[in-house]
Protein backbone atom coordinates (compact mmCIF):
# COMPACT_ATOMS: atom_id res chain seq x y z
CA UNK A 1 60.27 17.00 -108.98
CA UNK A 2 62.33 19.84 -107.50
CA UNK A 3 66.13 19.90 -107.94
CA UNK A 4 66.74 19.47 -104.19
CA UNK A 5 64.97 16.10 -104.35
CA UNK A 6 66.99 15.03 -107.38
CA UNK A 7 70.10 15.93 -105.40
CA UNK A 8 68.94 13.84 -102.44
CA UNK A 9 68.40 10.87 -104.76
CA UNK A 10 71.78 11.37 -106.43
CA UNK A 11 73.55 11.46 -103.06
CA UNK A 12 71.77 8.34 -101.82
CA UNK A 13 72.22 6.30 -105.01
CA UNK A 14 75.89 7.19 -105.49
CA UNK A 15 76.56 6.24 -101.86
CA UNK A 16 74.91 2.85 -102.43
CA UNK A 17 76.93 2.20 -105.58
CA UNK A 18 80.21 3.29 -103.97
CA UNK A 19 79.53 0.89 -101.08
CA UNK A 20 79.29 -2.32 -103.10
CA UNK A 21 81.73 -4.91 -101.70
CA UNK A 22 85.05 -5.20 -103.52
CA UNK A 23 84.53 -8.95 -103.52
CA UNK A 24 81.44 -8.53 -105.72
CA UNK A 25 83.17 -6.76 -108.62
CA UNK A 26 83.23 -9.92 -110.75
CA UNK A 27 79.50 -10.61 -110.25
CA UNK A 28 77.56 -10.67 -113.54
CA UNK A 29 74.56 -8.37 -114.11
CA UNK A 30 71.54 -10.61 -114.89
CA UNK A 31 69.94 -8.22 -117.39
CA UNK A 32 73.25 -7.59 -119.21
CA UNK A 33 75.32 -10.76 -119.03
CA UNK A 34 78.36 -9.12 -120.62
CA UNK A 35 78.54 -6.58 -117.76
CA UNK A 36 79.96 -7.09 -114.28
CA UNK A 37 79.65 -4.95 -111.16
CA UNK A 38 83.13 -3.57 -111.90
CA UNK A 39 82.07 -2.51 -115.38
CA UNK A 40 79.00 -0.81 -113.92
CA UNK A 41 81.08 1.13 -111.39
CA UNK A 42 83.65 2.20 -113.95
CA UNK A 43 81.00 3.14 -116.53
CA UNK A 44 78.95 5.28 -114.15
CA UNK A 45 82.11 6.94 -112.81
CA UNK A 46 83.11 7.95 -116.33
CA UNK A 47 79.58 9.24 -116.97
CA UNK A 48 79.87 11.40 -113.83
CA UNK A 49 83.18 12.78 -115.09
CA UNK A 50 81.72 13.50 -118.52
CA UNK A 51 78.65 15.17 -116.99
CA UNK A 52 80.85 17.33 -114.77
CA UNK A 53 82.78 18.36 -117.87
CA UNK A 54 79.51 19.49 -119.48
CA UNK A 55 78.58 21.47 -116.38
CA UNK A 56 81.95 23.26 -116.43
CA UNK A 57 81.56 24.49 -120.02
CA UNK A 58 81.70 28.21 -120.70
CA UNK A 59 78.84 30.09 -122.40
CA UNK A 60 78.89 29.44 -126.12
CA UNK A 61 80.53 26.03 -125.82
CA UNK A 62 78.81 22.80 -126.83
CA UNK A 63 78.99 19.12 -126.02
CA UNK A 64 81.88 18.66 -128.47
CA UNK A 65 83.92 20.87 -126.14
CA UNK A 66 83.66 18.54 -123.14
CA UNK A 67 87.18 17.51 -122.18
CA UNK A 68 88.17 13.82 -122.29
CA UNK A 69 87.47 12.06 -119.00
CA UNK A 70 90.34 10.75 -116.86
CA UNK A 71 88.49 7.47 -116.49
CA UNK A 72 88.15 5.06 -113.58
CA UNK A 73 90.87 2.45 -112.80
CA UNK A 74 90.29 -1.27 -113.00
CA UNK A 75 90.10 -3.62 -110.04
CA UNK A 76 89.26 -2.70 -106.43
CA UNK A 77 90.66 0.81 -106.95
CA UNK A 78 87.57 1.56 -109.03
CA UNK A 79 85.47 1.93 -105.87
CA UNK A 80 87.29 4.86 -104.20
CA UNK A 81 87.81 6.41 -107.64
CA UNK A 82 84.07 6.16 -108.27
CA UNK A 83 83.30 7.75 -104.89
CA UNK A 84 85.64 10.63 -105.77
CA UNK A 85 84.01 11.14 -109.19
CA UNK A 86 80.54 11.18 -107.61
CA UNK A 87 81.63 13.61 -104.89
CA UNK A 88 83.20 15.96 -107.46
CA UNK A 89 80.04 15.89 -109.57
CA UNK A 90 77.80 16.61 -106.59
CA UNK A 91 80.06 19.44 -105.40
CA UNK A 92 79.97 20.99 -108.88
CA UNK A 93 76.18 20.74 -109.06
CA UNK A 94 75.82 22.29 -105.59
CA UNK A 95 77.97 25.25 -106.72
CA UNK A 96 75.63 26.07 -109.62
CA UNK A 97 72.09 27.37 -110.06
CA UNK A 98 69.85 24.57 -111.41
CA UNK A 99 68.35 27.05 -113.89
CA UNK A 100 71.69 27.95 -115.47
CA UNK A 101 71.78 27.04 -119.16
CA UNK A 102 73.97 24.15 -120.25
CA UNK A 103 74.13 22.12 -123.46
CA UNK A 104 72.98 18.50 -123.30
CA UNK A 105 73.10 15.58 -125.72
CA UNK A 106 69.41 16.32 -126.46
CA UNK A 107 70.00 20.00 -127.20
CA UNK A 108 69.86 23.15 -125.03
CA UNK A 109 69.21 22.36 -121.36
CA UNK A 110 70.19 23.36 -117.86
CA UNK A 111 72.18 22.32 -114.81
CA UNK A 112 68.94 20.91 -113.41
CA UNK A 113 68.47 18.74 -116.51
CA UNK A 114 71.85 17.14 -115.89
CA UNK A 115 71.08 16.70 -112.19
CA UNK A 116 67.88 14.83 -113.03
CA UNK A 117 69.64 12.70 -115.65
CA UNK A 118 72.42 11.70 -113.25
CA UNK A 119 69.99 10.83 -110.45
CA UNK A 120 68.18 8.38 -112.73
CA UNK A 121 71.35 7.11 -114.39
CA UNK A 122 72.70 5.99 -111.05
CA UNK A 123 69.34 4.60 -109.89
CA UNK A 124 69.27 2.20 -112.85
CA UNK A 125 72.92 1.18 -112.71
CA UNK A 126 73.01 0.88 -108.92
CA UNK A 127 70.13 -1.56 -109.32
CA UNK A 128 72.22 -3.42 -111.92
CA UNK A 129 75.01 -3.79 -109.37
CA UNK A 130 72.64 -4.90 -106.61
CA UNK A 131 70.92 -7.37 -108.99
CA UNK A 132 74.32 -8.91 -109.75
CA UNK A 133 75.16 -9.20 -106.07
CA UNK A 134 71.74 -10.74 -105.36
CA UNK A 135 72.11 -13.25 -108.21
CA UNK A 136 75.45 -14.28 -106.69
CA UNK A 137 73.77 -15.05 -103.38
CA UNK A 138 73.79 -11.63 -101.72
CA UNK A 139 70.92 -9.54 -100.35
CA UNK A 140 67.98 -8.36 -102.42
CA UNK A 141 68.40 -4.99 -104.17
CA UNK A 142 67.42 -1.81 -102.35
CA UNK A 143 64.23 -0.61 -104.13
CA UNK A 144 64.22 2.63 -106.11
CA UNK A 145 62.10 5.11 -104.14
CA UNK A 146 58.64 5.60 -105.65
CA UNK A 147 58.89 9.34 -106.29
CA UNK A 148 62.29 8.99 -107.96
CA UNK A 149 61.09 6.03 -110.02
CA UNK A 150 58.01 7.94 -111.20
CA UNK A 151 60.15 10.91 -112.18
CA UNK A 152 62.47 8.53 -114.00
CA UNK A 153 59.56 7.14 -116.02
CA UNK A 154 58.55 10.70 -116.91
CA UNK A 155 62.10 11.42 -118.11
CA UNK A 156 62.18 8.17 -120.11
CA UNK A 157 58.89 9.01 -121.83
CA UNK A 158 59.35 12.73 -122.48
CA UNK A 159 63.03 12.83 -123.35
CA UNK A 160 64.24 9.42 -124.42
CA UNK A 161 61.16 8.04 -126.18
CA UNK A 162 59.72 11.31 -127.48
CA UNK A 163 63.03 13.01 -128.46
CA UNK A 164 66.13 10.82 -128.24
CA UNK A 165 64.61 7.95 -130.21
CA UNK A 166 64.18 10.13 -133.29
CA UNK A 167 67.67 11.59 -132.86
CA UNK A 168 69.30 8.17 -132.76
CA UNK A 169 67.10 6.10 -135.04
CA UNK A 170 65.12 8.55 -137.15
CA UNK A 171 61.64 7.71 -138.39
CA UNK A 172 59.55 5.53 -136.11
CA UNK A 173 58.70 2.05 -137.36
CA UNK A 174 55.38 2.45 -139.20
CA UNK A 175 53.71 -0.32 -137.19
CA UNK A 176 53.85 1.88 -134.07
CA UNK A 177 51.74 4.68 -135.53
CA UNK A 178 48.22 4.93 -134.15
CA UNK A 179 48.95 3.02 -130.95
CA UNK A 180 48.69 4.27 -127.39
CA UNK A 181 50.28 3.06 -124.15
CA UNK A 182 49.02 3.92 -120.68
CA UNK A 183 51.54 3.63 -117.83
CA UNK A 184 49.95 3.58 -114.39
CA UNK A 185 51.81 3.52 -111.09
CA UNK A 186 49.93 1.75 -108.31
CA UNK A 187 51.81 2.95 -105.22
CA UNK A 188 49.59 3.97 -102.30
CA UNK A 189 50.08 6.77 -101.56
CA UNK A 190 50.99 7.85 -105.06
CA UNK A 191 54.07 10.04 -105.61
CA UNK A 192 53.20 13.71 -105.17
CA UNK A 193 53.89 14.49 -108.84
CA UNK A 194 51.64 11.64 -109.97
CA UNK A 195 52.47 8.40 -111.76
CA UNK A 196 50.32 8.10 -114.88
CA UNK A 197 51.17 8.75 -118.52
CA UNK A 198 49.61 8.25 -121.92
CA UNK A 199 52.04 7.78 -124.82
CA UNK A 200 50.49 8.32 -128.24
CA UNK A 201 52.46 7.20 -131.29
CA UNK A 202 51.54 9.37 -134.24
CA UNK A 203 52.83 9.86 -137.76
CA UNK A 204 54.34 13.16 -136.60
CA UNK A 205 56.09 11.77 -133.53
CA UNK A 206 55.37 10.63 -129.99
CA UNK A 207 53.17 12.64 -127.65
CA UNK A 208 53.29 12.22 -123.87
CA UNK A 209 50.63 13.37 -121.41
CA UNK A 210 50.55 12.94 -117.65
CA UNK A 211 46.94 11.79 -117.50
CA UNK A 212 44.60 8.93 -116.71
CA UNK A 213 43.31 7.58 -120.01
CA UNK A 214 42.63 4.28 -121.70
CA UNK A 215 45.37 3.01 -124.03
CA UNK A 216 45.66 0.08 -126.41
CA UNK A 217 47.78 -1.44 -123.67
CA UNK A 218 48.13 -0.50 -120.00
CA UNK A 219 51.20 -1.23 -117.90
CA UNK A 220 50.40 -1.22 -114.18
CA UNK A 221 52.56 -1.74 -111.14
CA UNK A 222 54.60 -0.01 -108.45
CA UNK A 223 56.63 2.89 -109.85
CA UNK A 224 59.92 1.12 -109.09
CA UNK A 225 58.87 -1.93 -111.15
CA UNK A 226 57.60 0.25 -113.99
CA UNK A 227 60.81 2.31 -114.02
CA UNK A 228 63.06 -0.75 -114.13
CA UNK A 229 60.87 -2.40 -116.78
CA UNK A 230 60.91 0.52 -119.22
CA UNK A 231 64.69 0.61 -118.78
CA UNK A 232 64.74 -3.13 -119.58
CA UNK A 233 65.94 -4.27 -116.14
CA UNK A 234 62.77 -6.21 -115.35
CA UNK A 235 60.64 -8.39 -117.67
CA UNK A 236 57.31 -7.14 -118.88
CA UNK A 237 55.79 -10.07 -116.99
CA UNK A 238 56.69 -8.33 -113.71
CA UNK A 239 53.85 -5.87 -114.43
CA UNK A 240 50.09 -6.13 -114.78
CA UNK A 241 49.66 -5.84 -118.55
CA UNK A 242 46.16 -5.14 -119.85
CA UNK A 243 45.41 -5.11 -123.57
CA UNK A 244 47.87 -5.41 -126.45
CA UNK A 245 50.83 -7.01 -124.67
CA UNK A 246 52.52 -7.74 -128.00
CA UNK A 247 52.70 -4.01 -128.75
CA UNK A 248 54.17 -3.25 -125.31
CA UNK A 249 56.78 -5.97 -125.82
CA UNK A 250 57.64 -4.56 -129.27
CA UNK A 251 57.94 -1.04 -127.88
CA UNK A 252 60.32 -2.06 -125.09
CA UNK A 253 62.36 -4.14 -127.51
CA UNK A 254 62.81 -1.11 -129.77
CA UNK A 255 63.35 1.46 -127.00
CA UNK A 256 67.05 0.83 -126.41
CA UNK A 257 69.00 3.92 -125.37
């Protein structure tokens, strides 16, 4: 996915999150019952501030040099403060070349890496807020667009599962080795960048290919459902699961980032 599309998604998703009703701030997120809409808004706003701090680093600086964030106030004031944090982040991104080098929490990266990460960060948490509002009797959540969802699955597989997992946890549980998972988006038409992946769990790490291949277990469904399931916002039962469902359930239980 090109950076301009990530930017479109970031603009749209931040606008949706900033527009949640002030009266919904106490609504509880179904998938995280210790989180409310207010906590979501304040958390994502602080993430935007932290990301902007990383983007403003000088050459030679690292993530430890990111300045402390000013934070987002509590109560209804969190909504305009969130909108300001999102606008400042977007303005900073627009002022930079996506290919410019920047450090990330996964190692050396670029402005474009951060843009992609923020687009998907907000897509997940905006869904959290909309799920909470829906559970409280409000409208159904706005779906994550298929191309953005597919790109978010790719990021989850290639960066979080294949790299971040080892950074945070270390050695993979031995029972995962030798297993394969096929993730298959069923949207018609399919996203232009495709929506199929094979994850192979080896003794030397996790390998990810964008390919159609048979796995020990296949997870099939619209990209939005797949994206929200791998990020633990939807149950595995929301997908068409073919093969070793117990392994898929174990994987998603372990893949907490």
